[in-house]
Amino acid sequence: MQTLAEDDDLIRAAQDGDMASLEILLDRHHDRLRAVCARVVGRGADADDACQQALISIVKNLDKFDGRARFTTWSYRIATNAAIDELRRRGRRMADSIDDEDNYTQLASIGNFDDAVSAQIDVQAALEQLPEEFRVPVVLRDLGGLDYDEIAETLNIPPGTVRSRIARGRSKLADLIGSLSGDGNQRDSGFVQGTDHD
């Protein structure tokens, strides 16, 4: 099992240009970073893309890592942001694919396609308007399935703050979705209806 001291040694060596130490450090944390991305965006290619972007960002910004936070916390924050960016890209890809007649025909057979797409677009648009301090905890909880302690560690804030931000974020998100749907009623997106029992 690795120790924080071992990570610190690898980080210092990597910051000094030792590529072997950088490779060991990234390899050591890859699976956990991939898991964070998968929890936010779901499994598959999107999680791989988000993880790859996170690793690139870690390499580019490693010289800025000052050790005030643990490396795992710092790198999780980067992975979380990369995953949220991937969710945004996914939302844009979904909106773009609505114009694709083949996708429309295929998805229309699933059920009420128009309502499902409209609700998804409303949720994505509302998420983009939601301030980051609320958006990130809501996404990590409701889409990523992280518990409060995991979110607190990832964002480096107390669990009570996480609970408060999720509650306020869900409320703001519901209001935004209601206003975006045009009728003032919240669509049943399944996203802001989340309730917590832990």
N, C-alpha and C. Protein backbone atom coordinates (compact mmCIF):
# COMPACT_ATOMS: atom_id res chain seq x y z
N MET A 1 0.85 -1.18 0.00
CA MET A 1 0.00 0.00 0.00
C MET A 1 0.89 1.24 0.00
N GLN A 2 0.53 2.19 -0.86
CA GLN A 2 1.34 3.38 -0.95
C GLN A 2 1.13 4.29 0.25
N THR A 3 2.11 5.10 0.52
CA THR A 3 2.00 6.07 1.60
C THR A 3 2.00 7.46 1.01
N LEU A 4 1.53 8.42 1.83
CA LEU A 4 1.55 9.81 1.38
C LEU A 4 2.98 10.26 1.12
N ALA A 5 3.91 9.77 1.94
CA ALA A 5 5.32 10.13 1.76
C ALA A 5 5.82 9.65 0.40
N GLU A 6 5.44 8.44 0.00
CA GLU A 6 5.84 7.94 -1.31
C GLU A 6 5.28 8.82 -2.42
N ASP A 7 4.01 9.21 -2.30
CA ASP A 7 3.42 10.13 -3.28
C ASP A 7 4.19 11.44 -3.30
N ASP A 8 4.50 11.98 -2.12
CA ASP A 8 5.23 13.24 -2.05
C ASP A 8 6.58 13.14 -2.74
N ASP A 9 7.27 12.03 -2.54
CA ASP A 9 8.57 11.83 -3.20
C ASP A 9 8.41 11.77 -4.71
N LEU A 10 7.39 11.05 -5.17
CA LEU A 10 7.14 10.95 -6.61
C LEU A 10 6.77 12.31 -7.20
N ILE A 11 5.96 13.06 -6.48
CA ILE A 11 5.53 14.38 -6.96
C ILE A 11 6.73 15.30 -7.10
N ARG A 12 7.57 15.36 -6.06
CA ARG A 12 8.76 16.22 -6.13
C ARG A 12 9.66 15.81 -7.29
N ALA A 13 9.87 14.52 -7.45
CA ALA A 13 10.72 14.05 -8.55
C ALA A 13 10.10 14.39 -9.90
N ALA A 14 8.78 14.20 -10.02
CA ALA A 14 8.09 14.52 -11.27
C ALA A 14 8.15 16.02 -11.55
N GLN A 15 8.00 16.84 -10.51
CA GLN A 15 8.09 18.29 -10.69
C GLN A 15 9.49 18.71 -11.12
N ASP A 16 10.49 17.90 -10.77
CA ASP A 16 11.87 18.16 -11.18
C ASP A 16 12.19 17.56 -12.55
N GLY A 17 11.19 16.98 -13.20
CA GLY A 17 11.37 16.48 -14.56
C GLY A 17 11.61 14.99 -14.70
N ASP A 18 11.50 14.24 -13.62
CA ASP A 18 11.71 12.79 -13.67
C ASP A 18 10.46 12.12 -14.26
N MET A 19 10.54 11.74 -15.52
CA MET A 19 9.38 11.17 -16.22
C MET A 19 8.99 9.81 -15.66
N ALA A 20 9.95 9.04 -15.18
CA ALA A 20 9.63 7.72 -14.60
C ALA A 20 8.78 7.90 -13.35
N SER A 21 9.11 8.89 -12.52
CA SER A 21 8.31 9.15 -11.32
C SER A 21 6.91 9.62 -11.69
N LEU A 22 6.82 10.45 -12.72
CA LEU A 22 5.51 10.91 -13.18
C LEU A 22 4.66 9.73 -13.64
N GLU A 23 5.27 8.84 -14.40
CA GLU A 23 4.54 7.66 -14.88
C GLU A 23 4.06 6.78 -13.73
N ILE A 24 4.90 6.57 -12.74
CA ILE A 24 4.52 5.76 -11.57
C ILE A 24 3.37 6.44 -10.83
N LEU A 25 3.48 7.75 -10.63
CA LEU A 25 2.44 8.50 -9.92
C LEU A 25 1.09 8.40 -10.64
N LEU A 26 1.09 8.62 -11.95
CA LEU A 26 -0.15 8.56 -12.71
C LEU A 26 -0.72 7.15 -12.73
N ASP A 27 0.16 6.17 -12.89
CA ASP A 27 -0.29 4.78 -12.90
C ASP A 27 -0.90 4.39 -11.55
N ARG A 28 -0.30 4.86 -10.48
CA ARG A 28 -0.77 4.56 -9.13
C ARG A 28 -2.19 5.10 -8.90
N HIS A 29 -2.50 6.25 -9.46
CA HIS A 29 -3.79 6.90 -9.20
C HIS A 29 -4.80 6.73 -10.34
N HIS A 30 -4.39 6.14 -11.45
CA HIS A 30 -5.26 6.04 -12.61
C HIS A 30 -6.61 5.38 -12.31
N ASP A 31 -6.59 4.23 -11.66
CA ASP A 31 -7.84 3.50 -11.43
C ASP A 31 -8.83 4.30 -10.59
N ARG A 32 -8.33 5.00 -9.59
CA ARG A 32 -9.23 5.81 -8.75
C ARG A 32 -9.77 7.01 -9.52
N LEU A 33 -8.92 7.64 -10.33
CA LEU A 33 -9.38 8.77 -11.14
C LEU A 33 -10.41 8.30 -12.16
N ARG A 34 -10.17 7.15 -12.76
CA ARG A 34 -11.12 6.58 -13.72
C ARG A 34 -12.44 6.30 -13.03
N ALA A 35 -12.40 5.81 -11.79
CA ALA A 35 -13.62 5.51 -11.04
C ALA A 35 -14.40 6.79 -10.74
N VAL A 36 -13.70 7.87 -10.39
CA VAL A 36 -14.39 9.15 -10.17
C VAL A 36 -15.09 9.59 -11.44
N CYS A 37 -14.39 9.53 -12.55
CA CYS A 37 -14.99 9.92 -13.84
C CYS A 37 -16.18 9.04 -14.18
N ALA A 38 -16.04 7.74 -13.96
CA ALA A 38 -17.14 6.82 -14.27
C ALA A 38 -18.35 7.09 -13.41
N ARG A 39 -18.13 7.48 -12.16
CA ARG A 39 -19.26 7.77 -11.29
C ARG A 39 -20.00 9.02 -11.73
N VAL A 40 -19.29 9.95 -12.34
CA VAL A 40 -19.94 11.19 -12.77
C VAL A 40 -20.60 11.02 -14.13
N VAL A 41 -19.90 10.42 -15.09
CA VAL A 41 -20.43 10.36 -16.46
C VAL A 41 -20.98 9.00 -16.84
N GLY A 42 -20.79 8.00 -16.00
CA GLY A 42 -21.19 6.65 -16.36
C GLY A 42 -20.00 5.92 -16.97
N ARG A 43 -20.14 4.65 -17.09
CA ARG A 43 -19.03 3.84 -17.60
C ARG A 43 -18.93 3.97 -19.11
N GLY A 44 -17.79 3.60 -19.63
CA GLY A 44 -17.62 3.56 -21.07
C GLY A 44 -16.68 4.63 -21.59
N ALA A 45 -16.85 4.93 -22.86
CA ALA A 45 -15.93 5.83 -23.55
C ALA A 45 -15.92 7.23 -22.95
N ASP A 46 -17.07 7.73 -22.49
CA ASP A 46 -17.10 9.06 -21.89
C ASP A 46 -16.24 9.12 -20.64
N ALA A 47 -16.28 8.09 -19.82
CA ALA A 47 -15.44 8.05 -18.62
C ALA A 47 -13.97 7.96 -19.00
N ASP A 48 -13.66 7.19 -20.04
CA ASP A 48 -12.28 7.10 -20.51
C ASP A 48 -11.79 8.46 -21.00
N ASP A 49 -12.64 9.15 -21.77
CA ASP A 49 -12.27 10.47 -22.28
C ASP A 49 -12.05 11.46 -21.14
N ALA A 50 -12.95 11.45 -20.16
CA ALA A 50 -12.82 12.35 -19.02
C ALA A 50 -11.55 12.05 -18.23
N CYS A 51 -11.27 10.78 -18.02
CA CYS A 51 -10.07 10.39 -17.29
C CYS A 51 -8.82 10.82 -18.05
N GLN A 52 -8.82 10.64 -19.35
CA GLN A 52 -7.67 11.05 -20.16
C GLN A 52 -7.45 12.56 -20.04
N GLN A 53 -8.54 13.33 -20.11
CA GLN A 53 -8.42 14.78 -19.96
C GLN A 53 -7.90 15.15 -18.57
N ALA A 54 -8.36 14.43 -17.56
CA ALA A 54 -7.90 14.69 -16.19
C ALA A 54 -6.40 14.42 -16.09
N LEU A 55 -5.93 13.32 -16.65
CA LEU A 55 -4.50 13.00 -16.59
C LEU A 55 -3.67 14.06 -17.31
N ILE A 56 -4.16 14.52 -18.45
CA ILE A 56 -3.46 15.58 -19.18
C ILE A 56 -3.38 16.85 -18.33
N SER A 57 -4.49 17.19 -17.70
CA SER A 57 -4.53 18.38 -16.85
C SER A 57 -3.60 18.24 -15.64
N ILE A 58 -3.56 17.05 -15.06
CA ILE A 58 -2.65 16.81 -13.93
C ILE A 58 -1.20 17.02 -14.36
N VAL A 59 -0.84 16.47 -15.52
CA VAL A 59 0.53 16.61 -16.01
C VAL A 59 0.85 18.09 -16.26
N LYS A 60 -0.08 18.79 -16.92
CA LYS A 60 0.16 20.20 -17.24
C LYS A 60 0.25 21.08 -16.00
N ASN A 61 -0.45 20.70 -14.94
CA ASN A 61 -0.53 21.55 -13.75
C ASN A 61 0.24 21.02 -12.55
N LEU A 62 0.97 19.94 -12.71
CA LEU A 62 1.67 19.35 -11.57
C LEU A 62 2.65 20.33 -10.93
N ASP A 63 3.25 21.20 -11.73
CA ASP A 63 4.18 22.18 -11.16
C ASP A 63 3.47 23.17 -10.23
N LYS A 64 2.14 23.29 -10.35
CA LYS A 64 1.36 24.19 -9.50
C LYS A 64 0.90 23.51 -8.21
N PHE A 65 1.03 22.19 -8.15
CA PHE A 65 0.63 21.46 -6.94
C PHE A 65 1.60 21.83 -5.82
N ASP A 66 1.06 22.38 -4.72
CA ASP A 66 1.92 22.87 -3.65
C ASP A 66 1.86 22.05 -2.37
N GLY A 67 1.06 20.99 -2.37
CA GLY A 67 1.02 20.11 -1.21
C GLY A 67 0.11 20.57 -0.08
N ARG A 68 -0.58 21.70 -0.25
CA ARG A 68 -1.51 22.13 0.81
C ARG A 68 -2.66 21.15 0.96
N ALA A 69 -3.11 20.60 -0.14
CA ALA A 69 -4.12 19.53 -0.13
C ALA A 69 -3.39 18.22 -0.44
N ARG A 70 -4.01 17.11 -0.08
CA ARG A 70 -3.44 15.82 -0.47
C ARG A 70 -3.51 15.70 -1.99
N PHE A 71 -2.57 14.96 -2.56
CA PHE A 71 -2.57 14.77 -4.00
C PHE A 71 -3.86 14.12 -4.47
N THR A 72 -4.36 13.15 -3.69
CA THR A 72 -5.60 12.49 -4.11
C THR A 72 -6.75 13.49 -4.18
N THR A 73 -6.85 14.38 -3.21
CA THR A 73 -7.92 15.38 -3.22
C THR A 73 -7.77 16.31 -4.41
N TRP A 74 -6.57 16.78 -4.63
CA TRP A 74 -6.28 17.68 -5.75
C TRP A 74 -6.59 17.00 -7.09
N SER A 75 -6.14 15.77 -7.24
CA SER A 75 -6.36 15.06 -8.50
C SER A 75 -7.83 14.68 -8.69
N TYR A 76 -8.55 14.37 -7.60
CA TYR A 76 -9.99 14.08 -7.70
C TYR A 76 -10.74 15.32 -8.16
N ARG A 77 -10.32 16.47 -7.67
CA ARG A 77 -10.97 17.70 -8.08
C ARG A 77 -10.79 17.90 -9.59
N ILE A 78 -9.60 17.64 -10.07
CA ILE A 78 -9.33 17.76 -11.51
C ILE A 78 -10.17 16.75 -12.28
N ALA A 79 -10.23 15.51 -11.80
CA ALA A 79 -11.03 14.48 -12.47
C ALA A 79 -12.52 14.84 -12.46
N THR A 80 -12.99 15.38 -11.35
CA THR A 80 -14.40 15.79 -11.27
C THR A 80 -14.70 16.86 -12.31
N ASN A 81 -13.83 17.86 -12.40
CA ASN A 81 -14.04 18.92 -13.39
C ASN A 81 -13.99 18.37 -14.81
N ALA A 82 -13.07 17.46 -15.07
CA ALA A 82 -12.99 16.85 -16.41
C ALA A 82 -14.26 16.06 -16.72
N ALA A 83 -14.78 15.36 -15.73
CA ALA A 83 -16.01 14.59 -15.93
C ALA A 83 -17.20 15.50 -16.17
N ILE A 84 -17.27 16.60 -15.44
CA ILE A 84 -18.37 17.54 -15.65
C ILE A 84 -18.28 18.15 -17.05
N ASP A 85 -17.07 18.47 -17.48
CA ASP A 85 -16.89 18.96 -18.85
C ASP A 85 -17.35 17.91 -19.86
N GLU A 86 -17.07 16.65 -19.58
CA GLU A 86 -17.51 15.57 -20.48
C GLU A 86 -19.03 15.47 -20.50
N LEU A 87 -19.68 15.67 -19.35
CA LEU A 87 -21.15 15.69 -19.32
C LEU A 87 -21.69 16.80 -20.21
N ARG A 88 -21.05 17.95 -20.17
CA ARG A 88 -21.48 19.06 -21.03
C ARG A 88 -21.34 18.68 -22.50
N ARG A 89 -20.18 18.07 -22.84
CA ARG A 89 -19.98 17.65 -24.22
C ARG A 89 -21.02 16.61 -24.62
N ARG A 90 -21.31 15.70 -23.70
CA ARG A 90 -22.32 14.67 -23.98
C ARG A 90 -23.67 15.32 -24.24
N GLY A 91 -24.02 16.32 -23.44
CA GLY A 91 -25.29 17.03 -23.64
C GLY A 91 -25.34 17.69 -25.00
N ARG A 92 -24.22 18.29 -25.41
CA ARG A 92 -24.19 18.92 -26.73
C ARG A 92 -24.28 17.86 -27.82
N ARG A 93 -23.58 16.72 -27.62
CA ARG A 93 -23.66 15.65 -28.62
C ARG A 93 -25.08 15.13 -28.73
N MET A 94 -25.76 15.01 -27.57
CA MET A 94 -27.14 14.53 -27.59
C MET A 94 -28.03 15.51 -28.34
N ALA A 95 -27.84 16.80 -28.07
CA ALA A 95 -28.65 17.81 -28.75
C ALA A 95 -28.37 17.79 -30.24
N ASP A 96 -27.09 17.62 -30.62
CA ASP A 96 -26.74 17.54 -32.04
C ASP A 96 -27.35 16.30 -32.69
N SER A 97 -27.40 15.20 -31.95
CA SER A 97 -27.90 13.96 -32.54
C SER A 97 -29.41 13.97 -32.72
N ILE A 98 -30.10 14.91 -32.10
CA ILE A 98 -31.55 14.99 -32.28
C ILE A 98 -31.89 15.25 -33.73
N ASP A 99 -30.99 15.97 -34.43
CA ASP A 99 -31.23 16.28 -35.84
C ASP A 99 -30.95 15.09 -36.75
N ASP A 100 -30.32 14.08 -36.23
CA ASP A 100 -29.98 12.90 -37.02
C ASP A 100 -31.20 12.01 -37.14
N GLU A 101 -31.75 11.90 -38.33
CA GLU A 101 -33.01 11.17 -38.53
C GLU A 101 -32.92 9.71 -38.10
N ASP A 102 -31.77 9.07 -38.34
CA ASP A 102 -31.62 7.68 -37.92
C ASP A 102 -31.72 7.55 -36.41
N ASN A 103 -31.05 8.44 -35.68
CA ASN A 103 -31.14 8.41 -34.22
C ASN A 103 -32.56 8.67 -33.76
N TYR A 104 -33.22 9.62 -34.41
CA TYR A 104 -34.58 9.95 -34.02
C TYR A 104 -35.49 8.74 -34.19
N THR A 105 -35.38 8.09 -35.34
CA THR A 105 -36.22 6.92 -35.60
C THR A 105 -35.95 5.82 -34.60
N GLN A 106 -34.68 5.57 -34.33
CA GLN A 106 -34.30 4.51 -33.39
C GLN A 106 -34.80 4.84 -31.98
N LEU A 107 -34.57 6.05 -31.51
CA LEU A 107 -34.94 6.41 -30.15
C LEU A 107 -36.43 6.63 -29.99
N ALA A 108 -37.11 7.04 -31.05
CA ALA A 108 -38.55 7.30 -30.95
C ALA A 108 -39.30 6.02 -30.61
N SER A 109 -38.76 4.89 -31.00
CA SER A 109 -39.43 3.63 -30.71
C SER A 109 -39.36 3.25 -29.24
N ILE A 110 -38.49 3.91 -28.48
CA ILE A 110 -38.34 3.59 -27.06
C ILE A 110 -39.54 4.06 -26.27
N GLY A 111 -40.13 5.15 -26.65
CA GLY A 111 -41.26 5.69 -25.89
C GLY A 111 -41.53 7.10 -26.33
N ASN A 112 -41.87 7.95 -25.40
CA ASN A 112 -42.17 9.33 -25.72
C ASN A 112 -40.86 10.09 -25.87
N PHE A 113 -40.29 9.98 -27.03
CA PHE A 113 -38.97 10.52 -27.33
C PHE A 113 -38.91 12.04 -27.15
N ASP A 114 -39.90 12.74 -27.68
CA ASP A 114 -39.88 14.20 -27.60
C ASP A 114 -39.80 14.69 -26.17
N ASP A 115 -40.60 14.11 -25.29
CA ASP A 115 -40.59 14.53 -23.89
C ASP A 115 -39.26 14.17 -23.22
N ALA A 116 -38.74 13.00 -23.55
CA ALA A 116 -37.48 12.57 -22.94
C ALA A 116 -36.33 13.48 -23.37
N VAL A 117 -36.27 13.80 -24.66
CA VAL A 117 -35.21 14.67 -25.16
C VAL A 117 -35.38 16.08 -24.59
N SER A 118 -36.60 16.56 -24.59
CA SER A 118 -36.86 17.90 -24.06
C SER A 118 -36.47 17.99 -22.59
N ALA A 119 -36.82 16.98 -21.82
CA ALA A 119 -36.46 16.98 -20.39
C ALA A 119 -34.95 16.94 -20.22
N GLN A 120 -34.26 16.13 -21.02
CA GLN A 120 -32.80 16.04 -20.92
C GLN A 120 -32.16 17.37 -21.29
N ILE A 121 -32.65 18.01 -22.32
CA ILE A 121 -32.11 19.30 -22.72
C ILE A 121 -32.37 20.34 -21.64
N ASP A 122 -33.57 20.31 -21.04
CA ASP A 122 -33.88 21.23 -19.94
C ASP A 122 -32.93 21.01 -18.77
N VAL A 123 -32.68 19.76 -18.41
CA VAL A 123 -31.78 19.47 -17.30
C VAL A 123 -30.38 19.98 -17.62
N GLN A 124 -29.90 19.70 -18.82
CA GLN A 124 -28.55 20.14 -19.20
C GLN A 124 -28.46 21.66 -19.19
N ALA A 125 -29.46 22.34 -19.74
CA ALA A 125 -29.45 23.80 -19.76
C ALA A 125 -29.51 24.36 -18.34
N ALA A 126 -30.32 23.75 -17.50
CA ALA A 126 -30.43 24.20 -16.11
C ALA A 126 -29.11 23.97 -15.37
N LEU A 127 -28.48 22.82 -15.59
CA LEU A 127 -27.19 22.54 -14.95
C LEU A 127 -26.15 23.59 -15.34
N GLU A 128 -26.17 24.00 -16.60
CA GLU A 128 -25.20 24.99 -17.06
C GLU A 128 -25.43 26.34 -16.38
N GLN A 129 -26.67 26.63 -15.99
CA GLN A 129 -26.99 27.89 -15.31
C GLN A 129 -26.77 27.82 -13.81
N LEU A 130 -26.74 26.62 -13.27
CA LEU A 130 -26.58 26.44 -11.83
C LEU A 130 -25.15 26.81 -11.43
N PRO A 131 -24.99 27.66 -10.41
CA PRO A 131 -23.63 28.01 -9.98
C PRO A 131 -22.82 26.75 -9.62
N GLU A 132 -21.54 26.80 -9.93
CA GLU A 132 -20.68 25.63 -9.76
C GLU A 132 -20.69 25.09 -8.33
N GLU A 133 -20.79 25.98 -7.33
CA GLU A 133 -20.76 25.51 -5.94
C GLU A 133 -21.92 24.57 -5.64
N PHE A 134 -23.02 24.67 -6.40
CA PHE A 134 -24.16 23.77 -6.23
C PHE A 134 -24.13 22.65 -7.27
N ARG A 135 -23.74 23.00 -8.51
CA ARG A 135 -23.77 22.04 -9.61
C ARG A 135 -22.89 20.83 -9.33
N VAL A 136 -21.66 21.06 -8.90
CA VAL A 136 -20.72 19.95 -8.72
C VAL A 136 -21.21 18.95 -7.67
N PRO A 137 -21.61 19.40 -6.47
CA PRO A 137 -22.10 18.41 -5.50
C PRO A 137 -23.36 17.67 -5.98
N VAL A 138 -24.27 18.37 -6.66
CA VAL A 138 -25.49 17.72 -7.15
C VAL A 138 -25.14 16.66 -8.19
N VAL A 139 -24.25 16.99 -9.11
CA VAL A 139 -23.85 16.02 -10.14
C VAL A 139 -23.16 14.82 -9.50
N LEU A 140 -22.25 15.08 -8.57
CA LEU A 140 -21.54 13.97 -7.93
C LEU A 140 -22.48 13.07 -7.16
N ARG A 141 -23.50 13.65 -6.53
CA ARG A 141 -24.45 12.85 -5.74
C ARG A 141 -25.47 12.16 -6.63
N ASP A 142 -26.15 12.93 -7.47
CA ASP A 142 -27.29 12.39 -8.21
C ASP A 142 -26.90 11.63 -9.47
N LEU A 143 -25.84 12.02 -10.11
CA LEU A 143 -25.38 11.29 -11.29
C LEU A 143 -24.24 10.35 -10.97
N GLY A 144 -23.36 10.80 -10.09
CA GLY A 144 -22.18 10.01 -9.78
C GLY A 144 -22.38 8.97 -8.70
N GLY A 145 -23.41 9.15 -7.86
CA GLY A 145 -23.68 8.19 -6.81
C GLY A 145 -22.69 8.23 -5.65
N LEU A 146 -21.89 9.29 -5.55
CA LEU A 146 -20.96 9.40 -4.44
C LEU A 146 -21.73 9.72 -3.17
N ASP A 147 -21.22 9.24 -2.03
CA ASP A 147 -21.87 9.59 -0.76
C ASP A 147 -21.31 10.93 -0.28
N TYR A 148 -21.90 11.46 0.79
CA TYR A 148 -21.53 12.79 1.26
C TYR A 148 -20.06 12.89 1.66
N ASP A 149 -19.56 11.86 2.32
CA ASP A 149 -18.16 11.88 2.73
C ASP A 149 -17.21 11.88 1.53
N GLU A 150 -17.55 11.10 0.50
CA GLU A 150 -16.73 11.08 -0.71
C GLU A 150 -16.73 12.44 -1.39
N ILE A 151 -17.91 13.06 -1.46
CA ILE A 151 -18.01 14.38 -2.07
C ILE A 151 -17.22 15.40 -1.25
N ALA A 152 -17.36 15.32 0.07
CA ALA A 152 -16.64 16.25 0.95
C ALA A 152 -15.14 16.14 0.74
N GLU A 153 -14.64 14.91 0.65
CA GLU A 153 -13.21 14.72 0.44
C GLU A 153 -12.79 15.22 -0.94
N THR A 154 -13.58 14.92 -1.95
CA THR A 154 -13.25 15.34 -3.31
C THR A 154 -13.20 16.85 -3.43
N LEU A 155 -14.16 17.53 -2.81
CA LEU A 155 -14.25 18.98 -2.93
C LEU A 155 -13.55 19.73 -1.80
N ASN A 156 -13.05 18.98 -0.82
CA ASN A 156 -12.35 19.56 0.32
C ASN A 156 -13.24 20.55 1.09
N ILE A 157 -14.47 20.11 1.36
CA ILE A 157 -15.41 20.89 2.16
C ILE A 157 -16.06 19.96 3.18
N PRO A 158 -16.62 20.49 4.26
CA PRO A 158 -17.24 19.63 5.28
C PRO A 158 -18.50 18.92 4.75
N PRO A 159 -18.80 17.72 5.26
CA PRO A 159 -20.00 16.98 4.83
C PRO A 159 -21.29 17.78 5.02
N GLY A 160 -21.37 18.57 6.08
CA GLY A 160 -22.57 19.39 6.29
C GLY A 160 -22.75 20.42 5.19
N THR A 161 -21.66 20.96 4.71
CA THR A 161 -21.72 21.90 3.59
C THR A 161 -22.17 21.18 2.32
N VAL A 162 -21.70 19.96 2.15
CA VAL A 162 -22.13 19.16 1.00
C VAL A 162 -23.64 18.98 1.03
N ARG A 163 -24.18 18.56 2.18
CA ARG A 163 -25.64 18.36 2.31
C ARG A 163 -26.40 19.64 1.99
N SER A 164 -25.94 20.75 2.54
CA SER A 164 -26.60 22.03 2.31
C SER A 164 -26.57 22.42 0.84
N ARG A 165 -25.41 22.27 0.21
CA ARG A 165 -25.29 22.65 -1.20
C ARG A 165 -26.13 21.75 -2.09
N ILE A 166 -26.22 20.48 -1.76
CA ILE A 166 -27.05 19.58 -2.55
C ILE A 166 -28.52 19.97 -2.42
N ALA A 167 -28.97 20.22 -1.20
CA ALA A 167 -30.37 20.61 -0.99
C ALA A 167 -30.68 21.91 -1.73
N ARG A 168 -29.82 22.90 -1.56
CA ARG A 168 -30.05 24.18 -2.24
C ARG A 168 -29.92 24.04 -3.75
N GLY A 169 -28.94 23.25 -4.18
CA GLY A 169 -28.74 23.04 -5.61
C GLY A 169 -29.91 22.35 -6.27
N ARG A 170 -30.46 21.33 -5.61
CA ARG A 170 -31.64 20.64 -6.16
C ARG A 170 -32.82 21.59 -6.27
N SER A 171 -33.00 22.42 -5.26
CA SER A 171 -34.10 23.38 -5.27
C SER A 171 -33.94 24.38 -6.42
N LYS A 172 -32.74 24.93 -6.56
CA LYS A 172 -32.47 25.88 -7.64
C LYS A 172 -32.61 25.19 -9.00
N LEU A 173 -32.14 23.96 -9.09
CA LEU A 173 -32.22 23.22 -10.34
C LEU A 173 -33.67 22.97 -10.73
N ALA A 174 -34.49 22.60 -9.76
CA ALA A 174 -35.91 22.37 -10.03
C ALA A 174 -36.57 23.66 -10.53
N ASP A 175 -36.24 24.79 -9.90
CA ASP A 175 -36.79 26.07 -10.35
C ASP A 175 -36.34 26.40 -11.77
N LEU A 176 -35.06 26.17 -12.06
CA LEU A 176 -34.55 26.44 -13.40
C LEU A 176 -35.21 25.55 -14.45
N ILE A 177 -35.37 24.28 -14.12
CA ILE A 177 -36.01 23.36 -15.07
C ILE A 177 -37.46 23.78 -15.30
N GLY A 178 -38.15 24.17 -14.23
CA GLY A 178 -39.52 24.63 -14.37
C GLY A 178 -39.62 25.85 -15.27
N SER A 179 -38.69 26.79 -15.12
CA SER A 179 -38.74 27.98 -15.96
C SER A 179 -38.34 27.67 -17.40
N LEU A 180 -37.44 26.72 -17.60
CA LEU A 180 -37.03 26.34 -18.95
C LEU A 180 -38.11 25.57 -19.69
N SER A 181 -38.93 24.83 -18.94
CA SER A 181 -39.97 24.04 -19.60
C SER A 181 -41.10 24.92 -20.09
N GLY A 182 -41.11 26.18 -19.64
CA GLY A 182 -42.07 27.13 -20.17
C GLY A 182 -43.40 27.15 -19.47
N ASP A 183 -43.73 26.12 -18.73
CA ASP A 183 -45.04 26.09 -18.09
C ASP A 183 -44.93 26.26 -16.57
N GLY A 184 -43.71 26.48 -16.09
CA GLY A 184 -43.52 26.67 -14.66
C GLY A 184 -43.57 25.39 -13.86
N ASN A 185 -43.89 24.28 -14.50
CA ASN A 185 -43.92 22.99 -13.81
C ASN A 185 -42.62 22.26 -14.06
N GLN A 186 -42.17 21.52 -13.07
CA GLN A 186 -40.95 20.76 -13.22
C GLN A 186 -41.25 19.50 -14.03
N ARG A 187 -40.38 19.25 -14.99
CA ARG A 187 -40.49 18.00 -15.72
C ARG A 187 -40.01 16.88 -14.82
N ASP A 188 -40.52 15.70 -15.04
CA ASP A 188 -40.05 14.54 -14.28
C ASP A 188 -38.78 14.03 -14.95
N SER A 189 -37.69 14.71 -14.69
CA SER A 189 -36.42 14.35 -15.31
C SER A 189 -35.75 13.19 -14.60
N GLY A 190 -36.20 12.91 -13.37
CA GLY A 190 -35.55 11.86 -12.60
C GLY A 190 -34.26 12.33 -11.96
N PHE A 191 -33.84 13.54 -12.26
CA PHE A 191 -32.57 14.03 -11.77
C PHE A 191 -32.73 14.82 -10.49
N VAL A 192 -33.65 15.77 -10.46
CA VAL A 192 -33.80 16.60 -9.27
C VAL A 192 -34.77 15.99 -8.28
N GLN A 193 -35.30 14.84 -8.60
CA GLN A 193 -36.23 14.19 -7.69
C GLN A 193 -35.50 13.40 -6.62
N GLY A 194 -34.16 13.40 -6.67
CA GLY A 194 -33.36 12.58 -5.77
C GLY A 194 -33.63 12.87 -4.30
N THR A 195 -33.70 11.82 -3.55
CA THR A 195 -33.81 11.94 -2.10
C THR A 195 -32.70 11.11 -1.50
N ASP A 196 -32.25 11.54 -0.36
CA ASP A 196 -31.13 10.86 0.26
C ASP A 196 -31.56 10.19 1.54
N HIS A 197 -31.01 9.03 1.74
CA HIS A 197 -31.33 8.26 2.94
C HIS A 197 -30.09 7.89 3.72
N ASP A 198 -28.92 8.49 3.37
CA ASP A 198 -27.71 8.12 4.11
C ASP A 198 -27.17 9.24 4.92
